[in-house]
Amino acid sequence: MSEEEGVMEVVQEAEMGVLDALKEVFKKAALYDGLRRGIHESAKALDRRAARLCCLANDCDHEEYKRLIQALCEESGVHLIMVDSGKDIGEWCGLAKLNEDGTPKKIVRTSCAVITDFGEETPALGVVLKYVKSQQQA
């Protein structure tokens, strides 16, 4: 039975995209109080070198914020993932109201989010870390 579970995890990991995996990692980090949302909290976590992974939105209004977060990530050696929309980051952080059917309706846009504690090991975390390593080598 343990072999079947191992095979299912490998198949699930292969099918899961990077953004879906990132969404799951964000939810798990929020459960373990390891998620910092917004530019202020993120900059503090990066400055204290408590961050392990950072997501920054490409559609951030202020170019200074982008440069600040990129510089802090580079200085502290934290992996940076650029996401297309801040609304995606806001939804992953849980900054959204949900309809009765569970779809998000009012999503607060967030330019930056930092994970300080991944929580437990999941296949989604493996996908995200593999993506980060492949981006680092490229």
C-alpha atoms as a PDB file:
ATOM      1  CA  MET A   1       0.000   0.000   0.000  1.00  0.00           C
ATOM      2  CA  SER A   2       2.877   2.376   0.679  1.00  0.00           C
ATOM      3  CA  GLU A   3       4.204   1.746  -2.848  1.00  0.00           C
ATOM      4  CA  GLU A   4       0.849   2.800  -4.317  1.00  0.00           C
ATOM      5  CA  GLU A   5       0.869   5.995  -2.251  1.00  0.00           C
ATOM      6  CA  GLY A   6       4.395   6.786  -3.432  1.00  0.00           C
ATOM      7  CA  VAL A   7       3.380   6.236  -7.055  1.00  0.00           C
ATOM      8  CA  MET A   8       0.313   8.456  -6.621  1.00  0.00           C
ATOM      9  CA  GLU A   9       2.458  11.257  -5.168  1.00  0.00           C
ATOM     10  CA  VAL A  10       4.861  11.095  -8.117  1.00  0.00           C
ATOM     11  CA  VAL A  11       1.972  11.182 -10.617  1.00  0.00           C
ATOM     12  CA  GLN A  12       0.313  14.045  -8.747  1.00  0.00           C
ATOM     13  CA  GLU A  13       3.606  15.982  -8.663  1.00  0.00           C
ATOM     14  CA  ALA A  14       4.072  15.561 -12.413  1.00  0.00           C
ATOM     15  CA  GLU A  15       0.523  16.740 -13.167  1.00  0.00           C
ATOM     16  CA  MET A  16       0.661  19.764 -10.847  1.00  0.00           C
ATOM     17  CA  GLY A  17       1.717  23.047 -12.459  1.00  0.00           C
ATOM     18  CA  VAL A  18       4.012  25.532 -10.786  1.00  0.00           C
ATOM     19  CA  LEU A  19       1.260  28.067 -10.088  1.00  0.00           C
ATOM     20  CA  ASP A  20      -1.050  25.418  -8.624  1.00  0.00           C
ATOM     21  CA  ALA A  21       1.792  24.160  -6.461  1.00  0.00           C
ATOM     22  CA  LEU A  22       2.617  27.708  -5.370  1.00  0.00           C
ATOM     23  CA  LYS A  23      -1.009  28.257  -4.388  1.00  0.00           C
ATOM     24  CA  GLU A  24      -0.949  25.126  -2.230  1.00  0.00           C
ATOM     25  CA  VAL A  25       2.373  26.135  -0.622  1.00  0.00           C
ATOM     26  CA  PHE A  26       0.913  29.563   0.225  1.00  0.00           C
ATOM     27  CA  LYS A  27      -2.123  27.981   1.887  1.00  0.00           C
ATOM     28  CA  LYS A  28       0.053  25.597   3.895  1.00  0.00           C
ATOM     29  CA  ALA A  29       2.346  28.458   4.987  1.00  0.00           C
ATOM     30  CA  ALA A  30      -0.680  30.484   6.103  1.00  0.00           C
ATOM     31  CA  LEU A  31      -1.783  27.581   8.316  1.00  0.00           C
ATOM     32  CA  TYR A  32       1.619  27.499  10.020  1.00  0.00           C
ATOM     33  CA  ASP A  33       1.784  31.302  10.407  1.00  0.00           C
ATOM     34  CA  GLY A  34       4.652  31.489   7.950  1.00  0.00           C
ATOM     35  CA  LEU A  35       3.176  33.953   5.453  1.00  0.00           C
ATOM     36  CA  ARG A  36       3.903  37.686   5.287  1.00  0.00           C
ATOM     37  CA  ARG A  37       1.630  39.748   3.048  1.00  0.00           C
ATOM     38  CA  GLY A  38       2.240  43.181   1.619  1.00  0.00           C
ATOM     39  CA  ILE A  39       5.282  45.272   0.979  1.00  0.00           C
ATOM     40  CA  HIS A  40       5.838  46.368   4.602  1.00  0.00           C
ATOM     41  CA  GLU A  41       5.674  42.923   6.220  1.00  0.00           C
ATOM     42  CA  SER A  42       7.655  41.395   3.364  1.00  0.00           C
ATOM     43  CA  ALA A  43      10.436  43.969   3.582  1.00  0.00           C
ATOM     44  CA  LYS A  44      10.715  43.420   7.348  1.00  0.00           C
ATOM     45  CA  ALA A  45      10.924  39.638   6.928  1.00  0.00           C
ATOM     46  CA  LEU A  46      13.534  39.978   4.174  1.00  0.00           C
ATOM     47  CA  ASP A  47      15.559  42.463   6.227  1.00  0.00           C
ATOM     48  CA  ARG A  48      15.551  40.121   9.244  1.00  0.00           C
ATOM     49  CA  ARG A  49      16.611  37.289   6.906  1.00  0.00           C
ATOM     50  CA  ALA A  50      13.639  35.198   8.047  1.00  0.00           C
ATOM     51  CA  ALA A  51      12.274  34.740   4.523  1.00  0.00           C
ATOM     52  CA  ARG A  52      12.643  31.503   2.570  1.00  0.00           C
ATOM     53  CA  LEU A  53      10.702  32.351  -0.614  1.00  0.00           C
ATOM     54  CA  CYS A  54       9.387  35.621  -2.057  1.00  0.00           C
ATOM     55  CA  CYS A  55       6.709  36.293  -4.691  1.00  0.00           C
ATOM     56  CA  LEU A  56       6.523  39.662  -6.427  1.00  0.00           C
ATOM     57  CA  ALA A  57       3.840  40.845  -8.856  1.00  0.00           C
ATOM     58  CA  ASN A  58       4.879  42.078 -12.303  1.00  0.00           C
ATOM     59  CA  ASP A  59       1.972  44.531 -12.327  1.00  0.00           C
ATOM     60  CA  CYS A  60       3.176  46.427  -9.245  1.00  0.00           C
ATOM     61  CA  ASP A  61       2.395  50.139  -9.636  1.00  0.00           C
ATOM     62  CA  HIS A  62       5.562  51.441  -8.015  1.00  0.00           C
ATOM     63  CA  GLU A  63       8.872  50.580  -9.645  1.00  0.00           C
ATOM     64  CA  GLU A  64      10.694  51.527  -6.403  1.00  0.00           C
ATOM     65  CA  TYR A  65       8.920  48.716  -4.550  1.00  0.00           C
ATOM     66  CA  LYS A  66      10.030  46.195  -7.147  1.00  0.00           C
ATOM     67  CA  ARG A  67      13.645  47.355  -6.951  1.00  0.00           C
ATOM     68  CA  LEU A  68      13.574  47.300  -3.126  1.00  0.00           C
ATOM     69  CA  ILE A  69      12.219  43.753  -2.902  1.00  0.00           C
ATOM     70  CA  GLN A  70      14.568  42.487  -5.624  1.00  0.00           C
ATOM     71  CA  ALA A  71      17.559  44.055  -3.862  1.00  0.00           C
ATOM     72  CA  LEU A  72      16.556  42.628  -0.465  1.00  0.00           C
ATOM     73  CA  CYS A  73      16.073  39.167  -1.984  1.00  0.00           C
ATOM     74  CA  GLU A  74      19.444  39.314  -3.678  1.00  0.00           C
ATOM     75  CA  GLU A  75      21.162  40.578  -0.529  1.00  0.00           C
ATOM     76  CA  SER A  76      19.722  37.891   1.724  1.00  0.00           C
ATOM     77  CA  GLY A  77      19.860  35.065  -0.836  1.00  0.00           C
ATOM     78  CA  VAL A  78      16.116  34.453  -0.971  1.00  0.00           C
ATOM     79  CA  HIS A  79      14.589  32.971  -4.104  1.00  0.00           C
ATOM     80  CA  LEU A  80      12.288  35.382  -5.952  1.00  0.00           C
ATOM     81  CA  ILE A  81       9.357  34.249  -8.091  1.00  0.00           C
ATOM     82  CA  MET A  82       7.748  36.818 -10.365  1.00  0.00           C
ATOM     83  CA  VAL A  83       3.972  36.395 -10.732  1.00  0.00           C
ATOM     84  CA  ASP A  84       1.914  38.060 -13.457  1.00  0.00           C
ATOM     85  CA  SER A  85      -0.825  39.561 -11.307  1.00  0.00           C
ATOM     86  CA  GLY A  86      -1.055  40.896  -7.776  1.00  0.00           C
ATOM     87  CA  LYS A  87      -4.619  39.605  -7.622  1.00  0.00           C
ATOM     88  CA  ASP A  88      -3.250  36.066  -7.911  1.00  0.00           C
ATOM     89  CA  ILE A  89      -0.972  36.650  -4.933  1.00  0.00           C
ATOM     90  CA  GLY A  90      -3.857  38.182  -2.972  1.00  0.00           C
ATOM     91  CA  GLU A  91      -6.056  35.188  -3.704  1.00  0.00           C
ATOM     92  CA  TRP A  92      -3.319  32.732  -2.676  1.00  0.00           C
ATOM     93  CA  CYS A  93      -2.764  34.644   0.579  1.00  0.00           C
ATOM     94  CA  GLY A  94      -6.443  34.414   1.446  1.00  0.00           C
ATOM     95  CA  LEU A  95      -7.216  38.102   0.921  1.00  0.00           C
ATOM     96  CA  ALA A  96     -10.484  37.396  -0.886  1.00  0.00           C
ATOM     97  CA  LYS A  97     -14.170  36.949  -0.132  1.00  0.00           C
ATOM     98  CA  LEU A  98     -15.741  33.759  -1.406  1.00  0.00           C
ATOM     99  CA  ASN A  99     -19.139  33.073  -2.991  1.00  0.00           C
ATOM    100  CA  GLU A 100     -21.352  30.241  -1.759  1.00  0.00           C
ATOM    101  CA  ASP A 101     -19.816  27.918  -4.343  1.00  0.00           C
ATOM    102  CA  GLY A 102     -16.274  28.714  -3.152  1.00  0.00           C
ATOM    103  CA  THR A 103     -15.110  30.926  -6.017  1.00  0.00           C
ATOM    104  CA  PRO A 104     -13.366  34.166  -5.004  1.00  0.00           C
ATOM    105  CA  LYS A 105     -15.217  37.391  -5.764  1.00  0.00           C
ATOM    106  CA  LYS A 106     -13.573  40.353  -4.000  1.00  0.00           C
ATOM    107  CA  ILE A 107      -9.829  39.864  -4.262  1.00  0.00           C
ATOM    108  CA  VAL A 108      -7.440  42.347  -2.668  1.00  0.00           C
ATOM    109  CA  ARG A 109      -4.373  42.922  -4.841  1.00  0.00           C
ATOM    110  CA  THR A 110      -1.040  42.320  -3.107  1.00  0.00           C
ATOM    111  CA  SER A 111       2.246  43.285  -4.703  1.00  0.00           C
ATOM    112  CA  CYS A 112       4.459  41.082  -2.573  1.00  0.00           C
ATOM    113  CA  ALA A 113       4.252  38.071  -0.267  1.00  0.00           C
ATOM    114  CA  VAL A 114       6.993  36.221   1.590  1.00  0.00           C
ATOM    115  CA  ILE A 115       6.998  32.719   3.032  1.00  0.00           C
ATOM    116  CA  THR A 116       8.981  32.399   6.262  1.00  0.00           C
ATOM    117  CA  ASP A 117       7.840  28.864   7.168  1.00  0.00           C
ATOM    118  CA  PHE A 118       6.744  26.284   4.600  1.00  0.00           C
ATOM    119  CA  GLY A 119       5.019  24.118   7.187  1.00  0.00           C
ATOM    120  CA  GLU A 120       5.097  20.434   6.373  1.00  0.00           C
ATOM    121  CA  GLU A 121       6.669  18.773   3.346  1.00  0.00           C
ATOM    122  CA  THR A 122       4.178  18.343   0.505  1.00  0.00           C
ATOM    123  CA  PRO A 123       4.510  17.301  -3.143  1.00  0.00           C
ATOM    124  CA  ALA A 124       3.594  20.901  -4.065  1.00  0.00           C
ATOM    125  CA  LEU A 125       6.591  22.188  -2.124  1.00  0.00           C
ATOM    126  CA  GLY A 126       8.800  19.804  -4.075  1.00  0.00           C
ATOM    127  CA  VAL A 127       7.440  21.181  -7.369  1.00  0.00           C
ATOM    128  CA  VAL A 128       8.055  24.788  -6.288  1.00  0.00           C
ATOM    129  CA  LEU A 129      11.584  24.109  -5.028  1.00  0.00           C
ATOM    130  CA  LYS A 130      12.434  22.215  -8.225  1.00  0.00           C
ATOM    131  CA  TYR A 131      11.173  25.201 -10.259  1.00  0.00           C
ATOM    132  CA  VAL A 132      13.235  27.642  -8.181  1.00  0.00           C
ATOM    133  CA  LYS A 133      16.395  25.550  -8.653  1.00  0.00           C
ATOM    134  CA  SER A 134      15.816  25.338 -12.406  1.00  0.00           C
ATOM    135  CA  GLN A 135      15.385  29.139 -12.580  1.00  0.00           C
ATOM    136  CA  GLN A 136      18.529  29.666 -10.536  1.00  0.00           C
ATOM    137  CA  GLN A 137      20.612  27.527 -12.899  1.00  0.00           C
ATOM    138  CA  ALA A 138      19.255  29.244 -16.032  1.00  0.00           C
END
